[in-house]
Amino acid sequence: MYAQMIKTAGTGVKDRDEMSEEERKFQDRIDAGEKIEPKDWMPDDYRATLIRQIGQHAHSEIVGTLPEGNWVTRAPTLERKAILLAKVQDEAGHGLYLYCAAETLGISRDELTEDLLSGKMKYSSIFNYPTLNWADIGAVGWLVDGAAIMNQVPLQRTSFGPYSRAMIRICKEESFHQRQGYDAIRACAEGTPAQKKMAQDAMNRFWYPALMMFGPSDTDSVHSAQSMAWKIKINTNDELRQKFVDQTVPQAEYLGLTIPDPNLKWNEERGHYDFSQPDWSEFFNVIKGNGPCNVDRMAARNKAWDDGEWVREGMLAHARKKAAAKVAAE
């Protein structure tokens, strides 16, 4: 999910005889399960891949508040409003944890944001789809956060220490988000015929974009092998996608919702569900900026950046004044 179309300079996995002595020692630490800390030596491509992945992850958490924040004032009950507001606050906090983790690699939060606003960095493709009704908020929590958790739980074991530690708290909170979404869509599925129709409509629109969240097929994911060798990634895109389908189908059946895939069926021999792949041309088109909400999402982020300039300048001026006072007192 958080490594969609990440590109770095290196391609393929180096053989040990192609590595420098430092690279071999580094790989030995990775293979031994040690955590890499910010001040440790690391290959340039390892650092660049982490900056891109953690940066994209952080941007996704922030941009992900937009389709849900749109429904805070329109939630059907005060309780649902309070729950959704807490969730949006959590997601913004996740972005801050991850920006901090990225900063330990030598890139500032401002640089990351400027890369996003210029189009140099991306965020998860799923957040370029609109939330048209309340059931969509349930689908986002159940399917989107469900897919996120599938990706994030293994990241607690990722090789870079600050990223790994940030994921521990994030995963705890994401599990709440998934339960919130499942409960919201369950209420719709068990409600009136109109409410159940609304839940099914949300399922129909979010199923394939949720499958796309894990990134392209392994055959088209050129950097997965190196990321897995470095234990930046723990599982392949296709492994996580299959696990998500296997987990979600029984939940949909319990809700009485139909997954919009005529080819979906249990494969006894494999011990997994067979399912249709998403339309990958749609995925690549969204990544390029041509999704239903790409323009709106980037306009919102640019506006927030511009409107917040006076706050950033004020905080920096206060910090400089405080530092000068401390020097004078000494």
C-alpha atoms as a PDB file:
ATOM      1  CA  MET A   1       0.000   0.000   0.000  1.00  0.00           C
ATOM      2  CA  TYR A   2       2.669   2.489   1.016  1.00  0.00           C
ATOM      3  CA  ALA A   3       5.164   1.547  -1.661  1.00  0.00           C
ATOM      4  CA  GLN A   4       2.985   2.084  -4.735  1.00  0.00           C
ATOM      5  CA  MET A   5       5.266   2.753  -7.692  1.00  0.00           C
ATOM      6  CA  ILE A   6       8.272   3.755  -5.594  1.00  0.00           C
ATOM      7  CA  LYS A   7      11.325   4.097  -7.822  1.00  0.00           C
ATOM      8  CA  THR A   8      14.912   4.351  -6.677  1.00  0.00           C
ATOM      9  CA  ALA A   9      18.204   4.228  -8.513  1.00  0.00           C
ATOM     10  CA  GLY A  10      19.079   0.573  -7.973  1.00  0.00           C
ATOM     11  CA  THR A  11      17.351  -2.376  -9.634  1.00  0.00           C
ATOM     12  CA  GLY A  12      17.575  -6.017  -8.625  1.00  0.00           C
ATOM     13  CA  VAL A  13      19.354  -7.594  -5.686  1.00  0.00           C
ATOM     14  CA  LYS A  14      23.146  -7.524  -5.585  1.00  0.00           C
ATOM     15  CA  ASP A  15      25.067 -10.760  -5.161  1.00  0.00           C
ATOM     16  CA  ARG A  16      27.428 -10.777  -2.201  1.00  0.00           C
ATOM     17  CA  ASP A  17      30.445 -10.694  -4.487  1.00  0.00           C
ATOM     18  CA  GLU A  18      29.089  -7.471  -6.014  1.00  0.00           C
ATOM     19  CA  MET A  19      28.762  -5.796  -2.614  1.00  0.00           C
ATOM     20  CA  SER A  20      31.342  -3.642  -0.918  1.00  0.00           C
ATOM     21  CA  GLU A  21      32.580  -4.732   2.494  1.00  0.00           C
ATOM     22  CA  GLU A  22      30.254  -2.215   4.165  1.00  0.00           C
ATOM     23  CA  GLU A  23      27.291  -3.503   2.157  1.00  0.00           C
ATOM     24  CA  ARG A  24      28.031  -7.097   3.164  1.00  0.00           C
ATOM     25  CA  LYS A  25      28.215  -6.156   6.847  1.00  0.00           C
ATOM     26  CA  PHE A  26      24.985  -4.205   6.477  1.00  0.00           C
ATOM     27  CA  GLN A  27      23.208  -7.145   4.813  1.00  0.00           C
ATOM     28  CA  ASP A  28      24.494  -9.481   7.537  1.00  0.00           C
ATOM     29  CA  ARG A  29      22.853  -7.269  10.158  1.00  0.00           C
ATOM     30  CA  ILE A  30      19.596  -7.319   8.203  1.00  0.00           C
ATOM     31  CA  ASP A  31      19.737 -11.101   7.838  1.00  0.00           C
ATOM     32  CA  ALA A  32      20.372 -11.449  11.571  1.00  0.00           C
ATOM     33  CA  GLY A  33      17.186  -9.500  12.293  1.00  0.00           C
ATOM     34  CA  GLU A  34      18.914  -6.423  13.737  1.00  0.00           C
ATOM     35  CA  LYS A  35      17.254  -3.014  13.555  1.00  0.00           C
ATOM     36  CA  ILE A  36      19.008  -0.303  11.577  1.00  0.00           C
ATOM     37  CA  GLU A  37      19.083   3.010  13.448  1.00  0.00           C
ATOM     38  CA  PRO A  38      19.417   6.511  11.909  1.00  0.00           C
ATOM     39  CA  LYS A  39      23.099   6.991  12.762  1.00  0.00           C
ATOM     40  CA  ASP A  40      24.098   3.558  11.448  1.00  0.00           C
ATOM     41  CA  TRP A  41      25.774   3.238   8.064  1.00  0.00           C
ATOM     42  CA  MET A  42      23.299   2.298   5.320  1.00  0.00           C
ATOM     43  CA  PRO A  43      23.427   2.096   1.493  1.00  0.00           C
ATOM     44  CA  ASP A  44      22.199   5.196  -0.300  1.00  0.00           C
ATOM     45  CA  ASP A  45      19.481   3.210  -2.072  1.00  0.00           C
ATOM     46  CA  TYR A  46      18.240   1.822   1.255  1.00  0.00           C
ATOM     47  CA  ARG A  47      17.935   5.359   2.620  1.00  0.00           C
ATOM     48  CA  ALA A  48      16.253   6.623  -0.572  1.00  0.00           C
ATOM     49  CA  THR A  49      13.759   3.741  -0.594  1.00  0.00           C
ATOM     50  CA  LEU A  50      12.863   4.349   3.052  1.00  0.00           C
ATOM     51  CA  ILE A  51      12.396   8.095   2.487  1.00  0.00           C
ATOM     52  CA  ARG A  52      10.065   7.394  -0.428  1.00  0.00           C
ATOM     53  CA  GLN A  53       8.095   4.688   1.377  1.00  0.00           C
ATOM     54  CA  ILE A  54       7.778   6.427   4.744  1.00  0.00           C
ATOM     55  CA  GLY A  55       7.076   9.746   3.022  1.00  0.00           C
ATOM     56  CA  GLN A  56       4.342   8.206   0.884  1.00  0.00           C
ATOM     57  CA  HIS A  57       2.933   6.501   3.969  1.00  0.00           C
ATOM     58  CA  ALA A  58       2.864   9.796   5.899  1.00  0.00           C
ATOM     59  CA  HIS A  59       1.252  11.653   2.994  1.00  0.00           C
ATOM     60  CA  SER A  60      -1.371   8.900   2.724  1.00  0.00           C
ATOM     61  CA  GLU A  61      -2.324   9.262   6.374  1.00  0.00           C
ATOM     62  CA  ILE A  62      -2.810  13.019   5.981  1.00  0.00           C
ATOM     63  CA  VAL A  63      -4.607  12.942   2.625  1.00  0.00           C
ATOM     64  CA  GLY A  64      -6.695  10.045   3.947  1.00  0.00           C
ATOM     65  CA  THR A  65      -8.393  12.392   6.400  1.00  0.00           C
ATOM     66  CA  LEU A  66      -9.993  14.330   3.536  1.00  0.00           C
ATOM     67  CA  PRO A  67     -12.656  11.847   2.340  1.00  0.00           C
ATOM     68  CA  GLU A  68     -13.637  11.114   5.956  1.00  0.00           C
ATOM     69  CA  GLY A  69     -13.399  14.666   7.294  1.00  0.00           C
ATOM     70  CA  ASN A  70     -16.008  15.534   4.680  1.00  0.00           C
ATOM     71  CA  TRP A  71     -18.534  13.451   6.671  1.00  0.00           C
ATOM     72  CA  VAL A  72     -17.830  14.606  10.244  1.00  0.00           C
ATOM     73  CA  THR A  73     -20.601  17.206  10.148  1.00  0.00           C
ATOM     74  CA  ARG A  74     -22.996  14.829   8.361  1.00  0.00           C
ATOM     75  CA  ALA A  75     -22.633  11.679  10.466  1.00  0.00           C
ATOM     76  CA  PRO A  76     -26.103  10.242  11.274  1.00  0.00           C
ATOM     77  CA  THR A  77     -25.767  10.374  15.080  1.00  0.00           C
ATOM     78  CA  LEU A  78     -23.750  12.265  17.668  1.00  0.00           C
ATOM     79  CA  GLU A  79     -21.980   9.032  18.629  1.00  0.00           C
ATOM     80  CA  ARG A  80     -20.960   8.347  15.012  1.00  0.00           C
ATOM     81  CA  LYS A  81     -19.763  11.947  14.719  1.00  0.00           C
ATOM     82  CA  ALA A  82     -17.557  11.624  17.826  1.00  0.00           C
ATOM     83  CA  ILE A  83     -16.120   8.296  16.633  1.00  0.00           C
ATOM     84  CA  LEU A  84     -15.324   9.619  13.161  1.00  0.00           C
ATOM     85  CA  LEU A  85     -13.783  12.787  14.587  1.00  0.00           C
ATOM     86  CA  ALA A  86     -11.520  10.672  16.820  1.00  0.00           C
ATOM     87  CA  LYS A  87     -10.533   8.552  13.840  1.00  0.00           C
ATOM     88  CA  VAL A  88      -9.607  11.578  11.717  1.00  0.00           C
ATOM     89  CA  GLN A  89      -7.517  12.881  14.605  1.00  0.00           C
ATOM     90  CA  ASP A  90      -5.738   9.516  14.855  1.00  0.00           C
ATOM     91  CA  GLU A  91      -4.911   9.504  11.148  1.00  0.00           C
ATOM     92  CA  ALA A  92      -3.408  12.988  11.340  1.00  0.00           C
ATOM     93  CA  GLY A  93      -1.317  11.804  14.295  1.00  0.00           C
ATOM     94  CA  HIS A  94      -0.094   8.828  12.286  1.00  0.00           C
ATOM     95  CA  GLY A  95       1.139  11.203   9.629  1.00  0.00           C
ATOM     96  CA  LEU A  96       3.102  13.153  12.243  1.00  0.00           C
ATOM     97  CA  TYR A  97       4.726   9.979  13.652  1.00  0.00           C
ATOM     98  CA  LEU A  98       5.810   8.988  10.159  1.00  0.00           C
ATOM     99  CA  TYR A  99       7.127  12.421   9.195  1.00  0.00           C
ATOM    100  CA  CYS A 100       9.260  12.247  12.350  1.00  0.00           C
ATOM    101  CA  ALA A 101      10.564   8.816  11.332  1.00  0.00           C
ATOM    102  CA  ALA A 102      11.444  10.127   7.867  1.00  0.00           C
ATOM    103  CA  GLU A 103      13.243  13.135   9.367  1.00  0.00           C
ATOM    104  CA  THR A 104      15.709  10.788  11.074  1.00  0.00           C
ATOM    105  CA  LEU A 105      16.898   9.902   7.557  1.00  0.00           C
ATOM    106  CA  GLY A 106      17.997  13.470   6.892  1.00  0.00           C
ATOM    107  CA  ILE A 107      15.006  14.939   5.083  1.00  0.00           C
ATOM    108  CA  SER A 108      12.816  17.657   6.592  1.00  0.00           C
ATOM    109  CA  ARG A 109       9.035  17.614   6.877  1.00  0.00           C
ATOM    110  CA  ASP A 110       8.900  20.713   4.672  1.00  0.00           C
ATOM    111  CA  GLU A 111      10.908  18.960   1.964  1.00  0.00           C
ATOM    112  CA  LEU A 112       8.573  15.963   2.070  1.00  0.00           C
ATOM    113  CA  THR A 113       5.526  18.217   1.797  1.00  0.00           C
ATOM    114  CA  GLU A 114       7.030  20.202  -1.053  1.00  0.00           C
ATOM    115  CA  ASP A 115       7.751  16.925  -2.889  1.00  0.00           C
ATOM    116  CA  LEU A 116       4.100  15.944  -2.470  1.00  0.00           C
ATOM    117  CA  LEU A 117       2.759  19.296  -3.657  1.00  0.00           C
ATOM    118  CA  SER A 118       5.059  19.285  -6.692  1.00  0.00           C
ATOM    119  CA  GLY A 119       3.938  15.778  -7.667  1.00  0.00           C
ATOM    120  CA  LYS A 120       7.360  14.248  -7.027  1.00  0.00           C
ATOM    121  CA  MET A 121       5.976  12.091  -4.202  1.00  0.00           C
ATOM    122  CA  LYS A 122       2.665  10.224  -4.160  1.00  0.00           C
ATOM    123  CA  TYR A 123       0.082   9.000  -1.676  1.00  0.00           C
ATOM    124  CA  SER A 124      -2.047   5.860  -1.725  1.00  0.00           C
ATOM    125  CA  SER A 125      -4.267   5.592  -4.792  1.00  0.00           C
ATOM    126  CA  ILE A 126      -7.349   4.730  -2.691  1.00  0.00           C
ATOM    127  CA  PHE A 127      -7.730   8.296  -1.432  1.00  0.00           C
ATOM    128  CA  ASN A 128      -8.483   9.546  -4.929  1.00  0.00           C
ATOM    129  CA  TYR A 129     -11.948   7.978  -4.790  1.00  0.00           C
ATOM    130  CA  PRO A 130     -14.946   9.941  -3.433  1.00  0.00           C
ATOM    131  CA  THR A 131     -17.097   9.111  -0.402  1.00  0.00           C
ATOM    132  CA  LEU A 132     -20.593   9.626  -1.783  1.00  0.00           C
ATOM    133  CA  ASN A 133     -22.730   8.434   1.130  1.00  0.00           C
ATOM    134  CA  TRP A 134     -22.477   7.379   4.764  1.00  0.00           C
ATOM    135  CA  ALA A 135     -22.006   3.704   3.872  1.00  0.00           C
ATOM    136  CA  ASP A 136     -18.815   4.732   2.067  1.00  0.00           C
ATOM    137  CA  ILE A 137     -17.384   5.757   5.441  1.00  0.00           C
ATOM    138  CA  GLY A 138     -18.112   2.248   6.671  1.00  0.00           C
ATOM    139  CA  ALA A 139     -16.461   0.788   3.569  1.00  0.00           C
ATOM    140  CA  VAL A 140     -13.389   2.998   4.081  1.00  0.00           C
ATOM    141  CA  GLY A 141     -13.014   1.775   7.657  1.00  0.00           C
ATOM    142  CA  TRP A 142     -13.750  -1.872   6.898  1.00  0.00           C
ATOM    143  CA  LEU A 143     -12.061  -2.357   3.514  1.00  0.00           C
ATOM    144  CA  VAL A 144      -9.500   0.447   3.262  1.00  0.00           C
ATOM    145  CA  ASP A 145      -8.275   0.308   6.858  1.00  0.00           C
ATOM    146  CA  GLY A 146      -8.539  -3.478   6.687  1.00  0.00           C
ATOM    147  CA  ALA A 147      -6.170  -3.482   3.725  1.00  0.00           C
ATOM    148  CA  ALA A 148      -3.939  -0.965   5.519  1.00  0.00           C
ATOM    149  CA  ILE A 149      -3.687  -3.192   8.592  1.00  0.00           C
ATOM    150  CA  MET A 150      -2.831  -6.159   6.387  1.00  0.00           C
ATOM    151  CA  ASN A 151       0.125  -4.142   5.121  1.00  0.00           C
ATOM    152  CA  GLN A 152       1.057  -2.427   8.371  1.00  0.00           C
ATOM    153  CA  VAL A 153       1.187  -5.332  10.817  1.00  0.00           C
ATOM    154  CA  PRO A 154       4.232  -6.852   9.036  1.00  0.00           C
ATOM    155  CA  LEU A 155       5.833  -3.387   8.975  1.00  0.00           C
ATOM    156  CA  GLN A 156       6.201  -3.641  12.753  1.00  0.00           C
ATOM    157  CA  ARG A 157       9.057  -6.016  11.848  1.00  0.00           C
ATOM    158  CA  THR A 158      10.591  -3.788   9.188  1.00  0.00           C
ATOM    159  CA  SER A 159      14.361  -3.361   9.449  1.00  0.00           C
ATOM    160  CA  PHE A 160      14.466   0.411  10.088  1.00  0.00           C
ATOM    161  CA  GLY A 161      14.003   1.014  13.799  1.00  0.00           C
ATOM    162  CA  PRO A 162      12.060   4.328  13.836  1.00  0.00           C
ATOM    163  CA  TYR A 163       9.618   3.057  11.195  1.00  0.00           C
ATOM    164  CA  SER A 164       9.137  -0.239  13.001  1.00  0.00           C
ATOM    165  CA  ARG A 165       8.446   1.451  16.353  1.00  0.00           C
ATOM    166  CA  ALA A 166       6.031   3.988  14.851  1.00  0.00           C
ATOM    167  CA  MET A 167       4.015   1.139  13.360  1.00  0.00           C
ATOM    168  CA  ILE A 168       3.369  -0.469  16.748  1.00  0.00           C
ATOM    169  CA  ARG A 169       1.144   2.367  17.948  1.00  0.00           C
ATOM    170  CA  ILE A 170      -0.324   2.995  14.500  1.00  0.00           C
ATOM    171  CA  CYS A 171      -1.456  -0.638  14.177  1.00  0.00           C
ATOM    172  CA  LYS A 172      -3.204  -0.527  17.549  1.00  0.00           C
ATOM    173  CA  GLU A 173      -5.196   2.506  16.458  1.00  0.00           C
ATOM    174  CA  GLU A 174      -5.877   1.163  12.966  1.00  0.00           C
ATOM    175  CA  SER A 175      -7.512  -1.927  14.460  1.00  0.00           C
ATOM    176  CA  PHE A 176     -10.033   0.416  16.107  1.00  0.00           C
ATOM    177  CA  HIS A 177     -10.596   2.151  12.778  1.00  0.00           C
ATOM    178  CA  GLN A 178     -11.391  -1.121  11.050  1.00  0.00           C
ATOM    179  CA  ARG A 179     -13.890  -2.099  13.751  1.00  0.00           C
ATOM    180  CA  GLN A 180     -15.515   1.340  13.495  1.00  0.00           C
ATOM    181  CA  GLY A 181     -15.941   0.899   9.746  1.00  0.00           C
ATOM    182  CA  TYR A 182     -17.259  -2.639  10.019  1.00  0.00           C
ATOM    183  CA  ASP A 183     -19.801  -1.560  12.634  1.00  0.00           C
ATOM    184  CA  ALA A 184     -20.954   1.355  10.482  1.00  0.00           C
ATOM    185  CA  ILE A 185     -21.466  -0.738   7.363  1.00  0.00           C
ATOM    186  CA  ARG A 186     -23.047  -3.541   9.417  1.00  0.00           C
ATOM    187  CA  ALA A 187     -25.672  -1.086  10.660  1.00  0.00           C
ATOM    188  CA  CYS A 188     -26.447  -0.183   7.033  1.00  0.00           C
ATOM    189  CA  ALA A 189     -26.460  -3.816   5.855  1.00  0.00           C
ATOM    190  CA  GLU A 190     -28.890  -4.785   8.643  1.00  0.00           C
ATOM    191  CA  GLY A 191     -31.081  -1.693   8.188  1.00  0.00           C
ATOM    192  CA  THR A 192     -33.827  -0.815   5.760  1.00  0.00           C
ATOM    193  CA  PRO A 193     -33.756  -2.031   2.137  1.00  0.00           C
ATOM    194  CA  ALA A 194     -32.529   1.428   1.106  1.00  0.00           C
ATOM    195  CA  GLN A 195     -29.703   1.292   3.676  1.00  0.00           C
ATOM    196  CA  LYS A 196     -28.660  -2.209   2.591  1.00  0.00           C
ATOM    197  CA  LYS A 197     -28.640  -1.045  -1.028  1.00  0.00           C
ATOM    198  CA  MET A 198     -26.398   1.836   0.033  1.00  0.00           C
ATOM    199  CA  ALA A 199     -24.006  -0.633   1.737  1.00  0.00           C
ATOM    200  CA  GLN A 200     -23.894  -2.838  -1.365  1.00  0.00           C
ATOM    201  CA  ASP A 201     -23.222   0.191  -3.551  1.00  0.00           C
ATOM    202  CA  ALA A 202     -20.287   1.136  -1.320  1.00  0.00           C
ATOM    203  CA  MET A 203     -18.944  -2.424  -1.585  1.00  0.00           C
ATOM    204  CA  ASN A 204     -19.284  -2.349  -5.375  1.00  0.00           C
ATOM    205  CA  ARG A 205     -17.268   0.868  -5.685  1.00  0.00           C
ATOM    206  CA  PHE A 206     -14.556   0.246  -3.080  1.00  0.00           C
ATOM    207  CA  TRP A 207     -13.734  -3.449  -3.594  1.00  0.00           C
ATOM    208  CA  TYR A 208     -11.335  -3.159  -6.508  1.00  0.00           C
ATOM    209  CA  PRO A 209      -9.695   0.112  -5.370  1.00  0.00           C
ATOM    210  CA  ALA A 210      -9.056  -1.663  -2.033  1.00  0.00           C
ATOM    211  CA  LEU A 211      -7.321  -4.519  -3.879  1.00  0.00           C
ATOM    212  CA  MET A 212      -5.189  -1.958  -5.718  1.00  0.00           C
ATOM    213  CA  MET A 213      -3.911  -0.600  -2.393  1.00  0.00           C
ATOM    214  CA  PHE A 214      -1.318  -3.375  -2.159  1.00  0.00           C
ATOM    215  CA  GLY A 215       0.376  -2.130  -5.302  1.00  0.00           C
ATOM    216  CA  PRO A 216       0.825  -3.803  -8.676  1.00  0.00           C
ATOM    217  CA  SER A 217       1.280  -7.518  -9.212  1.00  0.00           C
ATOM    218  CA  ASP A 218       4.637  -8.901  -8.078  1.00  0.00           C
ATOM    219  CA  THR A 219       5.632  -9.406 -11.719  1.00  0.00           C
ATOM    220  CA  ASP A 220       5.330  -5.636 -12.244  1.00  0.00           C
ATOM    221  CA  SER A 221       6.841  -4.570  -8.913  1.00  0.00           C
ATOM    222  CA  VAL A 222      10.473  -4.209  -9.947  1.00  0.00           C
ATOM    223  CA  HIS A 223      11.887  -3.153  -6.569  1.00  0.00           C
ATOM    224  CA  SER A 224      10.062  -5.631  -4.322  1.00  0.00           C
ATOM    225  CA  ALA A 225      12.923  -8.144  -4.336  1.00  0.00           C
ATOM    226  CA  GLN A 226      15.466  -5.615  -3.050  1.00  0.00           C
ATOM    227  CA  SER A 227      13.035  -4.147  -0.510  1.00  0.00           C
ATOM    228  CA  MET A 228      12.381  -7.639   0.827  1.00  0.00           C
ATOM    229  CA  ALA A 229      16.091  -8.464   0.925  1.00  0.00           C
ATOM    230  CA  TRP A 230      16.559  -5.352   3.068  1.00  0.00           C
ATOM    231  CA  LYS A 231      13.418  -6.259   5.063  1.00  0.00           C
ATOM    232  CA  ILE A 232      11.877  -2.901   4.303  1.00  0.00           C
ATOM    233  CA  LYS A 233       9.003  -4.992   2.995  1.00  0.00           C
ATOM    234  CA  ILE A 234       8.147  -8.264   4.730  1.00  0.00           C
ATOM    235  CA  ASN A 235       5.575  -9.697   2.301  1.00  0.00           C
ATOM    236  CA  THR A 236       4.999  -9.337  -1.427  1.00  0.00           C
ATOM    237  CA  ASN A 237       2.075  -7.368  -2.848  1.00  0.00           C
ATOM    238  CA  ASP A 238       0.315 -10.501  -4.072  1.00  0.00           C
ATOM    239  CA  GLU A 239       0.736 -12.325  -0.751  1.00  0.00           C
ATOM    240  CA  LEU A 240      -0.911  -9.459   1.125  1.00  0.00           C
ATOM    241  CA  ARG A 241      -3.685  -9.102  -1.453  1.00  0.00           C
ATOM    242  CA  GLN A 242      -4.532 -12.807  -1.188  1.00  0.00           C
ATOM    243  CA  LYS A 243      -4.568 -12.657   2.593  1.00  0.00           C
ATOM    244  CA  PHE A 244      -6.901  -9.652   2.476  1.00  0.00           C
ATOM    245  CA  VAL A 245      -9.348 -11.434   0.155  1.00  0.00           C
ATOM    246  CA  ASP A 246      -9.318 -14.581   2.299  1.00  0.00           C
ATOM    247  CA  GLN A 247     -10.107 -12.543   5.403  1.00  0.00           C
ATOM    248  CA  THR A 248     -12.731 -10.268   3.879  1.00  0.00           C
ATOM    249  CA  VAL A 249     -14.936 -12.736   1.974  1.00  0.00           C
ATOM    250  CA  PRO A 250     -16.363 -14.416   5.119  1.00  0.00           C
ATOM    251  CA  GLN A 251     -17.014 -10.980   6.641  1.00  0.00           C
ATOM    252  CA  ALA A 252     -18.952  -9.883   3.551  1.00  0.00           C
ATOM    253  CA  GLU A 253     -20.962 -13.111   3.608  1.00  0.00           C
ATOM    254  CA  TYR A 254     -21.860 -12.521   7.259  1.00  0.00           C
ATOM    255  CA  LEU A 255     -23.084  -9.017   6.364  1.00  0.00           C
ATOM    256  CA  GLY A 256     -25.133 -10.360   3.476  1.00  0.00           C
ATOM    257  CA  LEU A 257     -23.161  -8.283   0.969  1.00  0.00           C
ATOM    258  CA  THR A 258     -22.042  -9.552  -2.430  1.00  0.00           C
ATOM    259  CA  ILE A 259     -18.458  -9.004  -3.530  1.00  0.00           C
ATOM    260  CA  PRO A 260     -18.619  -7.708  -7.125  1.00  0.00           C
ATOM    261  CA  ASP A 261     -16.501 -10.491  -8.629  1.00  0.00           C
ATOM    262  CA  PRO A 262     -18.190 -13.281 -10.640  1.00  0.00           C
ATOM    263  CA  ASN A 263     -14.937 -15.263 -10.566  1.00  0.00           C
ATOM    264  CA  LEU A 264     -14.667 -15.294  -6.764  1.00  0.00           C
ATOM    265  CA  LYS A 265     -14.688 -18.856  -5.440  1.00  0.00           C
ATOM    266  CA  TRP A 266     -12.962 -21.033  -2.862  1.00  0.00           C
ATOM    267  CA  ASN A 267     -10.108 -23.123  -4.257  1.00  0.00           C
ATOM    268  CA  GLU A 268      -9.868 -26.240  -2.133  1.00  0.00           C
ATOM    269  CA  GLU A 269      -6.557 -27.288  -3.655  1.00  0.00           C
ATOM    270  CA  ARG A 270      -4.857 -23.958  -2.931  1.00  0.00           C
ATOM    271  CA  GLY A 271      -6.660 -23.323   0.340  1.00  0.00           C
ATOM    272  CA  HIS A 272      -7.403 -19.780  -0.809  1.00  0.00           C
ATOM    273  CA  TYR A 273     -10.045 -17.861  -2.712  1.00  0.00           C
ATOM    274  CA  ASP A 274      -9.576 -17.363  -6.441  1.00  0.00           C
ATOM    275  CA  PHE A 275     -10.469 -13.812  -7.458  1.00  0.00           C
ATOM    276  CA  SER A 276     -10.284 -11.374 -10.346  1.00  0.00           C
ATOM    277  CA  GLN A 277      -7.432  -8.906 -10.546  1.00  0.00           C
ATOM    278  CA  PRO A 278      -8.267  -5.199 -10.531  1.00  0.00           C
ATOM    279  CA  ASP A 279      -8.117  -3.151 -13.709  1.00  0.00           C
ATOM    280  CA  TRP A 280      -4.460  -2.208 -13.473  1.00  0.00           C
ATOM    281  CA  SER A 281      -4.798   0.395 -16.220  1.00  0.00           C
ATOM    282  CA  GLU A 282      -7.134   2.261 -13.851  1.00  0.00           C
ATOM    283  CA  PHE A 283      -4.557   1.982 -11.057  1.00  0.00           C
ATOM    284  CA  PHE A 284      -1.744   3.427 -13.146  1.00  0.00           C
ATOM    285  CA  ASN A 285      -4.041   6.172 -14.421  1.00  0.00           C
ATOM    286  CA  VAL A 286      -4.939   7.195 -10.854  1.00  0.00           C
ATOM    287  CA  ILE A 287      -1.274   7.148  -9.810  1.00  0.00           C
ATOM    288  CA  LYS A 288      -0.521   9.489 -12.708  1.00  0.00           C
ATOM    289  CA  GLY A 289      -3.027  11.987 -11.308  1.00  0.00           C
ATOM    290  CA  ASN A 290      -6.124  11.160 -13.351  1.00  0.00           C
ATOM    291  CA  GLY A 291      -8.356   9.643 -10.658  1.00  0.00           C
ATOM    292  CA  PRO A 292     -11.802  10.956  -9.696  1.00  0.00           C
ATOM    293  CA  CYS A 293     -10.451  13.134  -6.864  1.00  0.00           C
ATOM    294  CA  ASN A 294      -6.745  13.708  -7.602  1.00  0.00           C
ATOM    295  CA  VAL A 295      -7.249  17.385  -8.445  1.00  0.00           C
ATOM    296  CA  ASP A 296      -9.450  18.021  -5.402  1.00  0.00           C
ATOM    297  CA  ARG A 297      -7.079  16.259  -3.005  1.00  0.00           C
ATOM    298  CA  MET A 298      -4.025  18.165  -4.212  1.00  0.00           C
ATOM    299  CA  ALA A 299      -5.937  21.452  -4.186  1.00  0.00           C
ATOM    300  CA  ALA A 300      -6.880  20.822  -0.548  1.00  0.00           C
ATOM    301  CA  ARG A 301      -3.287  20.030   0.434  1.00  0.00           C
ATOM    302  CA  ASN A 302      -1.936  23.096  -1.405  1.00  0.00           C
ATOM    303  CA  LYS A 303      -4.532  25.311   0.277  1.00  0.00           C
ATOM    304  CA  ALA A 304      -3.671  23.908   3.706  1.00  0.00           C
ATOM    305  CA  TRP A 305       0.038  24.522   3.054  1.00  0.00           C
ATOM    306  CA  ASP A 306      -0.519  28.077   1.883  1.00  0.00           C
ATOM    307  CA  ASP A 307      -3.003  28.947   4.628  1.00  0.00           C
ATOM    308  CA  GLY A 308      -0.677  27.566   7.290  1.00  0.00           C
ATOM    309  CA  GLU A 309       2.346  29.612   6.244  1.00  0.00           C
ATOM    310  CA  TRP A 310       1.762  32.296   8.879  1.00  0.00           C
ATOM    311  CA  VAL A 311       1.559  29.626  11.603  1.00  0.00           C
ATOM    312  CA  ARG A 312       4.853  28.059  10.527  1.00  0.00           C
ATOM    313  CA  GLU A 313       6.556  31.452  10.345  1.00  0.00           C
ATOM    314  CA  GLY A 314       5.237  32.439  13.774  1.00  0.00           C
ATOM    315  CA  MET A 315       6.429  29.208  15.367  1.00  0.00           C
ATOM    316  CA  LEU A 316       9.879  29.547  13.813  1.00  0.00           C
ATOM    317  CA  ALA A 317      10.145  33.176  14.980  1.00  0.00           C
ATOM    318  CA  HIS A 318       9.154  32.135  18.505  1.00  0.00           C
ATOM    319  CA  ALA A 319      11.727  29.320  18.482  1.00  0.00           C
ATOM    320  CA  ARG A 320      14.476  31.695  17.333  1.00  0.00           C
ATOM    321  CA  LYS A 321      13.504  34.252  19.997  1.00  0.00           C
ATOM    322  CA  LYS A 322      13.516  31.579  22.692  1.00  0.00           C
ATOM    323  CA  ALA A 323      16.906  30.281  21.562  1.00  0.00           C
ATOM    324  CA  ALA A 324      18.371  33.800  21.539  1.00  0.00           C
ATOM    325  CA  ALA A 325      17.056  34.436  25.057  1.00  0.00           C
ATOM    326  CA  LYS A 326      18.666  31.219  26.256  1.00  0.00           C
ATOM    327  CA  VAL A 327      22.033  32.203  24.745  1.00  0.00           C
ATOM    328  CA  ALA A 328      21.794  35.666  26.327  1.00  0.00           C
ATOM    329  CA  ALA A 329      21.023  34.174  29.740  1.00  0.00           C
ATOM    330  CA  GLU A 330      24.110  31.981  29.539  1.00  0.00           C
END
